[in-house]
N, C-alpha and C. Protein backbone atom coordinates (compact mmCIF):
# COMPACT_ATOMS: atom_id res chain seq x y z
N MET A 1 44.95 344.46 72.66
CA MET A 1 44.36 342.85 72.05
C MET A 1 42.79 342.10 72.09
N GLY A 2 42.85 343.42 72.92
CA GLY A 2 41.12 342.58 73.36
C GLY A 2 41.05 341.17 74.22
N ILE A 3 39.70 341.12 74.01
CA ILE A 3 39.46 339.59 74.76
C ILE A 3 39.44 338.22 74.17
N GLY A 4 39.39 337.03 74.46
CA GLY A 4 39.38 336.24 73.70
C GLY A 4 37.62 336.01 74.05
N LEU A 5 37.11 334.93 72.90
CA LEU A 5 35.93 334.65 72.58
C LEU A 5 35.09 334.07 73.56
N LEU A 6 36.36 333.13 74.41
CA LEU A 6 35.55 332.32 75.47
C LEU A 6 35.20 333.13 76.99
N THR A 7 36.28 334.55 76.90
CA THR A 7 36.38 335.07 78.13
C THR A 7 34.96 336.16 78.07
N PHE A 8 34.35 336.35 76.32
CA PHE A 8 33.26 337.37 75.82
C PHE A 8 32.65 336.44 75.91
N ILE A 9 32.12 335.18 75.35
CA ILE A 9 31.02 334.93 76.18
C ILE A 9 30.37 333.99 77.50
N ARG A 10 31.24 334.23 78.39
CA ARG A 10 30.83 334.19 79.71
C ARG A 10 30.63 334.96 80.82
N HIS A 11 30.57 336.45 79.46
CA HIS A 11 29.84 337.51 80.25
C HIS A 11 28.38 337.79 80.38
N PRO A 12 27.51 338.04 81.18
CA PRO A 12 26.08 337.92 80.91
C PRO A 12 25.44 338.36 80.24
N VAL A 13 25.92 339.27 79.65
CA VAL A 13 25.16 340.24 78.56
C VAL A 13 25.06 339.15 77.75
N PRO A 14 26.16 338.86 77.21
CA PRO A 14 25.74 338.39 75.71
C PRO A 14 24.73 337.01 76.01
N GLN A 15 24.90 336.48 77.00
CA GLN A 15 24.40 335.28 77.60
C GLN A 15 22.94 335.23 78.05
N LEU A 16 22.72 336.48 78.10
CA LEU A 16 21.40 336.71 78.55
C LEU A 16 20.47 337.21 77.04
N ILE A 17 21.50 337.94 76.05
CA ILE A 17 20.67 338.01 74.82
C ILE A 17 20.92 336.29 74.27
N PHE A 18 21.60 335.71 74.21
CA PHE A 18 21.40 334.37 73.40
C PHE A 18 19.69 333.76 74.54
N ALA A 19 20.13 333.60 75.17
CA ALA A 19 18.89 332.49 76.08
C ALA A 19 17.47 333.11 75.69
N ALA A 20 17.49 334.27 75.65
CA ALA A 20 16.20 335.09 75.21
C ALA A 20 15.61 334.50 73.42
N PHE A 21 16.65 334.76 72.94
CA PHE A 21 16.63 334.45 71.40
C PHE A 21 16.15 332.63 71.93
N VAL A 22 16.96 332.25 72.67
CA VAL A 22 16.13 330.55 72.45
C VAL A 22 15.26 330.35 73.19
N VAL A 23 15.08 330.91 73.93
CA VAL A 23 13.55 330.94 74.58
C VAL A 23 12.27 331.44 73.49
N LEU A 24 12.68 332.62 72.51
CA LEU A 24 11.67 333.00 72.27
C LEU A 24 11.46 332.48 70.81
N SER A 25 12.26 331.32 70.12
CA SER A 25 12.87 331.07 69.05
C SER A 25 11.41 329.72 68.80
N TRP A 26 10.81 328.81 69.37
CA TRP A 26 9.81 327.87 69.50
C TRP A 26 8.38 328.92 69.12
N PRO A 27 8.40 329.95 70.12
CA PRO A 27 7.18 330.53 69.69
C PRO A 27 7.31 331.45 68.65
N LEU A 28 8.01 332.25 68.34
CA LEU A 28 8.15 332.57 67.09
C LEU A 28 8.56 332.44 65.76
N SER A 29 9.23 330.70 65.45
CA SER A 29 8.72 329.80 65.04
C SER A 29 6.98 329.66 64.77
N GLY A 30 6.21 329.75 65.06
CA GLY A 30 4.87 329.45 64.87
C GLY A 30 4.14 330.55 63.81
N LEU A 31 5.32 331.60 63.30
CA LEU A 31 4.79 332.30 62.24
C LEU A 31 5.12 331.95 61.11
N ALA A 32 5.92 331.18 61.19
CA ALA A 32 6.34 330.04 59.62
C ALA A 32 5.39 328.80 59.38
N GLY A 33 3.75 329.04 60.35
CA GLY A 33 2.75 327.98 59.76
C GLY A 33 2.67 326.74 60.85
N ARG A 34 2.23 325.41 60.14
CA ARG A 34 1.77 324.49 61.00
C ARG A 34 2.98 323.29 60.54
N ASP A 35 3.30 323.96 58.94
CA ASP A 35 4.76 322.32 59.06
C ASP A 35 6.06 322.61 59.71
N THR A 36 5.89 321.06 59.90
CA THR A 36 6.90 321.08 61.59
C THR A 36 8.45 321.47 60.83
N ARG A 37 8.70 321.02 60.09
CA ARG A 37 10.19 321.26 58.89
C ARG A 37 10.30 322.87 58.94
N ARG A 38 9.38 323.73 58.23
CA ARG A 38 9.29 324.84 58.61
C ARG A 38 9.71 325.40 59.80
N ARG A 39 8.69 325.36 60.94
CA ARG A 39 8.89 325.23 62.48
C ARG A 39 10.39 325.29 62.78
N LEU A 40 10.69 324.16 62.38
CA LEU A 40 12.15 324.17 62.99
C LEU A 40 13.39 325.20 62.23
N ALA A 41 13.08 325.48 61.04
CA ALA A 41 13.81 326.12 60.15
C ALA A 41 13.90 327.82 60.97
N ALA A 42 12.70 327.75 60.47
CA ALA A 42 12.43 329.13 61.87
C ALA A 42 13.32 329.47 62.88
N ALA A 43 13.22 328.07 64.02
CA ALA A 43 13.20 328.84 65.26
C ALA A 43 14.97 328.40 64.70
N ALA A 44 15.94 327.34 64.14
CA ALA A 44 17.21 328.04 63.97
C ALA A 44 17.45 328.83 63.37
N LEU A 45 16.43 329.59 62.29
CA LEU A 45 17.05 331.36 62.11
C LEU A 45 16.85 331.70 63.20
N VAL A 46 16.03 331.71 64.48
CA VAL A 46 15.86 333.09 65.29
C VAL A 46 16.99 332.14 66.62
N VAL A 47 17.84 331.47 66.71
CA VAL A 47 18.53 331.22 67.69
C VAL A 47 20.23 331.82 66.94
N SER A 48 20.14 330.92 65.14
CA SER A 48 21.11 331.48 64.57
C SER A 48 21.38 333.30 64.87
N ALA A 49 20.28 334.01 64.74
CA ALA A 49 20.40 335.57 64.77
C ALA A 49 20.84 335.73 66.36
N GLY A 50 19.99 335.10 67.25
CA GLY A 50 19.98 335.66 68.71
C GLY A 50 21.67 335.33 68.91
N ALA A 51 22.80 334.40 68.15
CA ALA A 51 24.01 334.22 68.77
C ALA A 51 24.72 334.96 67.55
N ILE A 52 24.66 335.88 67.03
CA ILE A 52 25.28 336.72 66.00
C ILE A 52 24.96 338.05 67.10
N ILE A 53 23.60 338.39 66.87
CA ILE A 53 23.71 339.96 67.77
C ILE A 53 24.28 339.69 69.28
N ALA A 54 24.06 338.73 69.79
CA ALA A 54 24.77 338.24 70.91
C ALA A 54 26.25 338.49 70.84
N LEU A 55 26.82 338.19 69.88
CA LEU A 55 28.27 337.74 69.70
C LEU A 55 28.54 339.43 69.08
N THR A 56 28.21 340.10 68.49
CA THR A 56 28.24 341.18 68.18
C THR A 56 27.53 342.47 68.43
N ALA A 57 26.54 342.26 68.85
CA ALA A 57 25.67 343.88 68.84
C ALA A 57 25.37 344.22 70.71
N THR A 58 26.50 343.40 71.33
CA THR A 58 26.73 343.85 72.39
C THR A 58 27.89 344.80 72.95
N PRO A 59 28.55 345.50 73.86
CA PRO A 59 29.00 345.99 73.84
C PRO A 59 30.65 345.31 74.67
N SER A 60 31.34 345.79 74.14
CA SER A 60 33.10 344.91 74.07
C SER A 60 33.20 344.94 75.60
N PHE A 61 33.40 344.02 76.47
CA PHE A 61 33.76 343.95 77.71
C PHE A 61 35.46 344.09 77.89
N ALA A 62 36.36 344.45 77.14
CA ALA A 62 37.45 344.44 77.08
C ALA A 62 38.13 346.11 77.46
N ASP A 63 39.09 345.70 77.89
CA ASP A 63 40.19 347.24 78.73
C ASP A 63 39.52 348.24 77.98
N PRO A 64 38.89 349.40 78.06
CA PRO A 64 38.81 350.35 77.23
C PRO A 64 39.53 351.34 76.68
N ALA A 65 41.07 351.14 77.32
CA ALA A 65 42.36 351.30 76.62
C ALA A 65 42.66 350.94 75.07
N THR A 66 41.97 349.57 75.04
CA THR A 66 41.81 348.73 73.62
C THR A 66 41.07 349.10 72.79
N PHE A 67 39.72 349.96 73.19
CA PHE A 67 39.35 350.90 72.22
C PHE A 67 39.34 351.80 71.01
N ALA A 68 40.94 352.24 71.65
CA ALA A 68 41.06 353.29 70.67
C ALA A 68 42.07 352.21 69.10
N ALA A 69 42.00 351.14 69.65
CA ALA A 69 42.52 350.54 68.24
C ALA A 69 42.12 349.71 67.47
N ASN A 70 40.60 350.25 67.71
CA ASN A 70 39.18 349.78 66.50
C ASN A 70 39.43 350.41 65.14
N PRO A 71 39.45 349.94 64.64
CA PRO A 71 39.48 350.67 63.07
C PRO A 71 38.03 351.97 63.08
N PRO A 72 38.10 353.13 62.43
CA PRO A 72 36.58 354.11 62.34
C PRO A 72 35.93 352.91 61.54
N HIS A 73 34.52 353.76 62.42
CA HIS A 73 32.98 353.01 61.73
C HIS A 73 33.19 353.42 60.17
N PHE A 74 32.13 352.80 59.68
CA PHE A 74 32.23 352.68 58.47
C PHE A 74 31.26 353.92 57.95
N LEU A 75 30.26 354.25 59.30
CA LEU A 75 29.79 355.31 58.86
C LEU A 75 30.98 356.48 58.87
N THR A 76 31.69 356.77 59.34
CA THR A 76 32.60 357.97 59.13
C THR A 76 33.17 358.25 57.94
N LEU A 77 33.22 356.73 57.45
CA LEU A 77 34.15 356.44 56.17
C LEU A 77 33.10 356.92 54.82
N LEU A 78 31.86 357.12 54.78
CA LEU A 78 31.03 356.98 53.84
C LEU A 78 31.62 358.34 52.64
N ASP A 79 32.03 359.80 53.16
CA ASP A 79 32.81 360.65 52.28
C ASP A 79 34.15 360.10 51.46
N ARG A 80 34.56 358.80 51.66
CA ARG A 80 35.61 357.94 50.84
C ARG A 80 35.03 357.20 50.78
N PRO A 81 34.32 357.40 49.27
CA PRO A 81 34.17 355.65 48.82
C PRO A 81 34.95 355.11 48.15
N GLY A 82 35.81 355.76 48.02
CA GLY A 82 37.04 354.81 46.98
C GLY A 82 37.29 353.81 48.27
N LEU A 83 38.42 354.03 49.33
CA LEU A 83 38.34 353.63 50.78
C LEU A 83 37.01 352.62 50.82
N LEU A 84 36.34 352.99 51.00
CA LEU A 84 34.82 351.71 51.46
C LEU A 84 34.69 350.77 49.95
N ALA A 85 35.33 351.62 48.75
CA ALA A 85 35.37 350.29 47.73
C ALA A 85 36.47 349.20 47.66
N ARG A 86 37.68 349.85 47.92
CA ARG A 86 38.56 349.27 48.28
C ARG A 86 38.45 347.70 49.16
N GLN A 87 37.91 348.20 50.35
CA GLN A 87 38.27 347.39 51.40
C GLN A 87 36.68 346.55 51.02
N LEU A 88 35.56 346.86 50.53
CA LEU A 88 34.49 345.97 49.93
C LEU A 88 35.33 344.88 48.93
N VAL A 89 36.25 345.18 48.19
CA VAL A 89 36.73 344.18 47.16
C VAL A 89 38.44 343.47 47.80
N ALA A 90 38.67 343.72 49.11
CA ALA A 90 39.44 343.07 49.20
C ALA A 90 39.75 341.69 49.97
N PRO A 91 40.24 340.88 49.21
CA PRO A 91 40.04 339.31 49.94
C PRO A 91 40.16 339.25 51.88
N PRO A 92 39.09 338.56 52.28
CA PRO A 92 39.13 338.12 53.51
C PRO A 92 40.63 338.00 53.73
N SER A 93 41.74 338.94 54.91
CA SER A 93 43.00 339.19 54.97
C SER A 93 43.14 338.42 56.51
N ASP A 94 42.67 337.60 57.47
CA ASP A 94 42.90 337.10 58.43
C ASP A 94 41.70 336.04 59.13
N LEU A 95 41.96 335.52 60.40
CA LEU A 95 41.49 334.19 60.29
C LEU A 95 39.80 335.34 60.81
N GLU A 96 39.98 336.01 61.72
CA GLU A 96 38.83 336.64 62.11
C GLU A 96 37.81 337.21 60.64
N GLN A 97 38.24 337.77 59.92
CA GLN A 97 37.62 337.83 58.61
C GLN A 97 36.82 336.05 58.29
N VAL A 98 38.05 335.47 57.84
CA VAL A 98 36.84 333.82 57.80
C VAL A 98 36.14 333.47 58.51
N ALA A 99 36.11 333.43 59.86
CA ALA A 99 35.17 333.58 61.49
C ALA A 99 34.22 334.62 60.95
N ASN A 100 34.24 335.87 60.91
CA ASN A 100 32.73 336.56 60.09
C ASN A 100 31.94 335.87 59.19
N ILE A 101 32.88 334.85 58.40
CA ILE A 101 31.76 334.41 57.09
C ILE A 101 31.18 333.48 57.51
N ALA A 102 32.23 332.34 58.42
CA ALA A 102 31.17 331.16 59.04
C ALA A 102 30.20 331.68 60.09
N LEU A 103 30.61 332.33 60.46
CA LEU A 103 29.62 332.88 61.35
C LEU A 103 28.17 332.99 61.33
N TYR A 104 27.96 333.63 60.29
CA TYR A 104 26.58 333.43 59.25
C TYR A 104 26.09 332.65 57.83
N VAL A 105 27.21 331.21 58.09
CA VAL A 105 26.70 330.07 57.53
C VAL A 105 25.55 329.33 58.35
N PRO A 106 25.70 329.16 58.98
CA PRO A 106 24.05 328.82 59.51
C PRO A 106 22.78 329.44 59.04
N LEU A 107 22.86 330.85 59.77
CA LEU A 107 21.61 331.77 59.34
C LEU A 107 21.33 331.66 57.79
N GLY A 108 22.26 331.40 56.92
CA GLY A 108 21.88 331.15 55.67
C GLY A 108 21.02 329.87 55.29
N ILE A 109 21.59 328.95 56.20
CA ILE A 109 21.08 327.70 55.81
C ILE A 109 19.42 327.57 56.29
N SER A 110 19.45 327.90 57.53
CA SER A 110 17.99 328.19 58.15
C SER A 110 17.33 328.61 57.74
N GLY A 111 17.53 330.15 56.86
CA GLY A 111 17.14 330.82 55.52
C GLY A 111 16.68 330.41 54.66
N ALA A 112 17.26 329.38 53.99
CA ALA A 112 17.26 329.28 52.87
C ALA A 112 16.13 328.08 52.96
N LEU A 113 16.29 327.61 54.36
CA LEU A 113 15.24 326.00 54.14
C LEU A 113 14.25 326.79 55.12
N LEU A 114 13.81 327.61 55.72
CA LEU A 114 12.63 328.20 55.82
C LEU A 114 11.91 328.88 54.70
N TRP A 115 12.71 329.92 53.64
CA TRP A 115 11.93 330.57 52.63
C TRP A 115 11.60 329.54 51.48
N ARG A 116 12.96 328.39 51.71
CA ARG A 116 13.15 327.47 50.52
C ARG A 116 13.65 328.20 49.35
N ARG A 117 13.85 329.13 49.12
CA ARG A 117 14.70 330.01 48.58
C ARG A 117 16.36 330.63 48.89
N TRP A 118 17.09 330.65 47.87
CA TRP A 118 18.79 331.23 48.51
C TRP A 118 18.78 332.74 48.67
N LEU A 119 17.55 333.42 47.41
CA LEU A 119 17.94 334.76 48.05
C LEU A 119 17.14 335.36 48.96
N PRO A 120 16.24 335.10 49.64
CA PRO A 120 15.64 336.03 50.80
C PRO A 120 16.33 335.41 51.77
N ALA A 121 17.47 334.21 52.13
CA ALA A 121 18.28 334.21 53.31
C ALA A 121 19.43 334.85 52.98
N THR A 122 19.87 335.15 51.72
CA THR A 122 20.98 335.75 51.79
C THR A 122 20.64 337.64 52.33
N ALA A 123 19.42 337.91 51.31
CA ALA A 123 18.83 339.41 51.70
C ALA A 123 18.64 339.96 53.11
N PHE A 124 18.30 338.24 53.86
CA PHE A 124 18.07 338.69 55.64
C PHE A 124 19.43 338.90 56.08
N GLY A 125 20.25 337.86 55.80
CA GLY A 125 21.76 337.67 56.55
C GLY A 125 22.32 339.38 56.35
N PHE A 126 21.84 339.94 54.82
CA PHE A 126 22.45 341.24 54.71
C PHE A 126 22.07 342.67 55.50
N LEU A 127 20.48 341.93 55.68
CA LEU A 127 20.03 343.53 56.58
C LEU A 127 20.45 343.14 57.87
N LEU A 128 20.55 341.56 58.16
CA LEU A 128 21.06 341.67 60.04
C LEU A 128 22.38 342.33 59.68
N VAL A 129 23.22 341.85 58.93
CA VAL A 129 24.53 342.19 59.43
C VAL A 129 25.16 343.68 59.01
N LEU A 130 23.73 344.95 58.28
CA LEU A 130 23.98 346.01 57.88
C LEU A 130 23.30 346.87 59.09
N ALA A 131 22.07 346.18 59.65
CA ALA A 131 21.78 346.81 61.25
C ALA A 131 22.59 346.68 62.31
N ILE A 132 23.56 345.48 62.53
CA ILE A 132 24.57 345.08 63.58
C ILE A 132 25.23 346.47 63.37
N GLU A 133 26.18 346.24 62.31
CA GLU A 133 27.64 346.70 61.99
C GLU A 133 26.65 348.64 61.87
N THR A 134 25.34 348.79 61.84
CA THR A 134 25.40 350.49 62.21
C THR A 134 24.92 350.68 63.34
N VAL A 135 24.23 349.72 64.07
CA VAL A 135 24.20 349.87 65.30
C VAL A 135 25.51 350.18 66.26
N GLN A 136 26.41 349.03 65.38
CA GLN A 136 27.55 349.53 66.61
C GLN A 136 28.12 350.49 66.74
N TYR A 137 27.82 351.78 66.05
CA TYR A 137 29.01 352.93 65.84
C TYR A 137 28.24 353.82 67.41
N VAL A 138 27.16 353.26 68.23
CA VAL A 138 26.97 353.79 69.68
C VAL A 138 27.33 353.00 70.65
N ILE A 139 27.51 351.25 70.25
CA ILE A 139 27.72 350.25 71.45
C ILE A 139 29.31 350.56 71.64
N PRO A 140 29.68 350.74 72.99
CA PRO A 140 31.10 350.92 73.40
C PRO A 140 32.00 349.27 73.03
N GLY A 141 32.84 349.97 72.52
CA GLY A 141 34.20 349.02 72.46
C GLY A 141 33.91 348.61 70.88
N ARG A 142 32.82 348.56 70.13
CA ARG A 142 32.70 348.22 68.76
C ARG A 142 32.91 349.35 67.87
N ALA A 143 32.96 348.57 66.27
CA ALA A 143 33.52 349.80 65.38
C ALA A 143 33.09 348.80 63.74
N GLY A 144 32.17 349.26 63.77
CA GLY A 144 31.01 348.62 62.67
C GLY A 144 31.69 348.52 61.00
N SER A 145 32.29 347.64 60.03
CA SER A 145 32.82 347.74 59.03
C SER A 145 32.68 347.41 57.90
N ILE A 146 32.88 347.27 56.99
CA ILE A 146 31.90 347.09 55.89
C ILE A 146 32.97 345.92 55.33
N THR A 147 34.01 345.38 55.96
CA THR A 147 34.49 343.84 55.35
C THR A 147 33.83 343.24 56.00
N ASP A 148 32.94 343.51 57.69
CA ASP A 148 32.36 342.73 58.22
C ASP A 148 30.71 342.38 57.30
N ILE A 149 30.58 343.72 56.61
CA ILE A 149 29.44 343.06 56.24
C ILE A 149 29.63 342.13 54.79
N ARG A 150 30.31 342.40 54.40
CA ARG A 150 30.87 342.02 52.98
C ARG A 150 30.56 340.02 53.69
N ASN A 151 31.86 340.76 54.33
CA ASN A 151 32.37 338.89 54.81
C ASN A 151 30.86 338.18 55.26
N ASN A 152 29.96 339.26 56.41
CA ASN A 152 28.65 338.29 57.07
C ASN A 152 27.69 337.61 55.94
N THR A 153 27.78 338.80 55.14
CA THR A 153 26.74 338.81 53.88
C THR A 153 27.01 337.46 53.14
N LEU A 154 28.29 337.19 52.97
CA LEU A 154 28.74 336.15 52.09
C LEU A 154 28.60 335.30 52.78
N GLY A 155 29.10 334.67 54.07
CA GLY A 155 28.57 333.73 55.03
C GLY A 155 27.25 333.39 54.69
N ALA A 156 26.52 334.61 54.95
CA ALA A 156 24.70 333.94 54.66
C ALA A 156 24.71 332.98 52.95
N LEU A 157 25.20 333.85 52.51
CA LEU A 157 24.98 333.34 50.51
C LEU A 157 25.82 332.10 50.66
N LEU A 158 27.14 331.49 50.91
CA LEU A 158 27.23 330.28 50.91
C LEU A 158 26.91 329.55 51.83
N GLY A 159 25.40 329.92 52.84
CA GLY A 159 25.57 328.51 53.37
C GLY A 159 23.90 328.79 52.41
N ALA A 160 23.05 329.66 52.22
CA ALA A 160 21.74 329.43 51.74
C ALA A 160 22.00 328.86 49.95
N VAL A 161 23.31 328.97 49.70
CA VAL A 161 23.39 328.70 48.02
C VAL A 161 24.01 326.75 48.35
N LEU A 162 24.29 326.62 49.39
CA LEU A 162 24.67 325.13 49.75
C LEU A 162 23.78 324.24 49.82
N THR A 163 22.57 325.11 50.46
CA THR A 163 21.27 324.65 51.22
C THR A 163 20.47 324.01 50.44
N ALA A 164 20.26 325.36 49.11
CA ALA A 164 19.46 325.51 47.79
C ALA A 164 19.97 324.22 46.47
N VAL A 165 21.66 323.94 46.72
CA VAL A 165 22.45 323.23 45.84
C VAL A 165 21.84 321.52 45.92
N LEU A 166 21.89 321.29 47.87
CA LEU A 166 21.65 320.01 48.10
C LEU A 166 20.40 319.47 48.08
N GLN A 167 19.52 320.24 48.45
CA GLN A 167 17.78 320.70 48.10
C GLN A 167 17.61 320.10 46.26
N ARG A 168 18.13 320.82 45.57
CA ARG A 168 17.93 320.14 44.34
C ARG A 168 18.05 318.95 43.61
N ARG A 169 19.71 318.65 44.64
CA ARG A 169 20.17 316.79 44.71
C ARG A 169 19.19 316.02 44.84
N ARG A 170 18.27 316.45 45.88
CA ARG A 170 17.74 315.44 46.50
C ARG A 170 16.59 315.11 45.60
């Protein structure tokens, strides 16, 4: 069954990773220039990415016996494109998949505010999730999935497009 979110975020490894991103967010935001709004958006993007990395690119601290319940990593299914395609087009099927969409919405919002366009924000979300899901191949207790890539990218897209629409209405 795994562990709950609260138990997971109480572990020091995700906390340290997230804290490092929070501490680095303002200095890294300087890359966005002197415009205060863009710097705030950049800092929010770094904090969002830090939260995502802390939650998804750290080992699962569940009982190792539960690791066997993980589905196969998407890299092991590359020789089965039909299966990957079916997984890619299947609608979100449970609360965890909806949560995976919601996890990337803030990243899409902050990316759209930073780059002032929805496409770079969505592309950043896609590249981040692709990197994380690929790296999960070697992280204990993790199994990268094509549905996570789809859902997380969809979340970044929703946040970015919502932001773009609201900015146009202004």
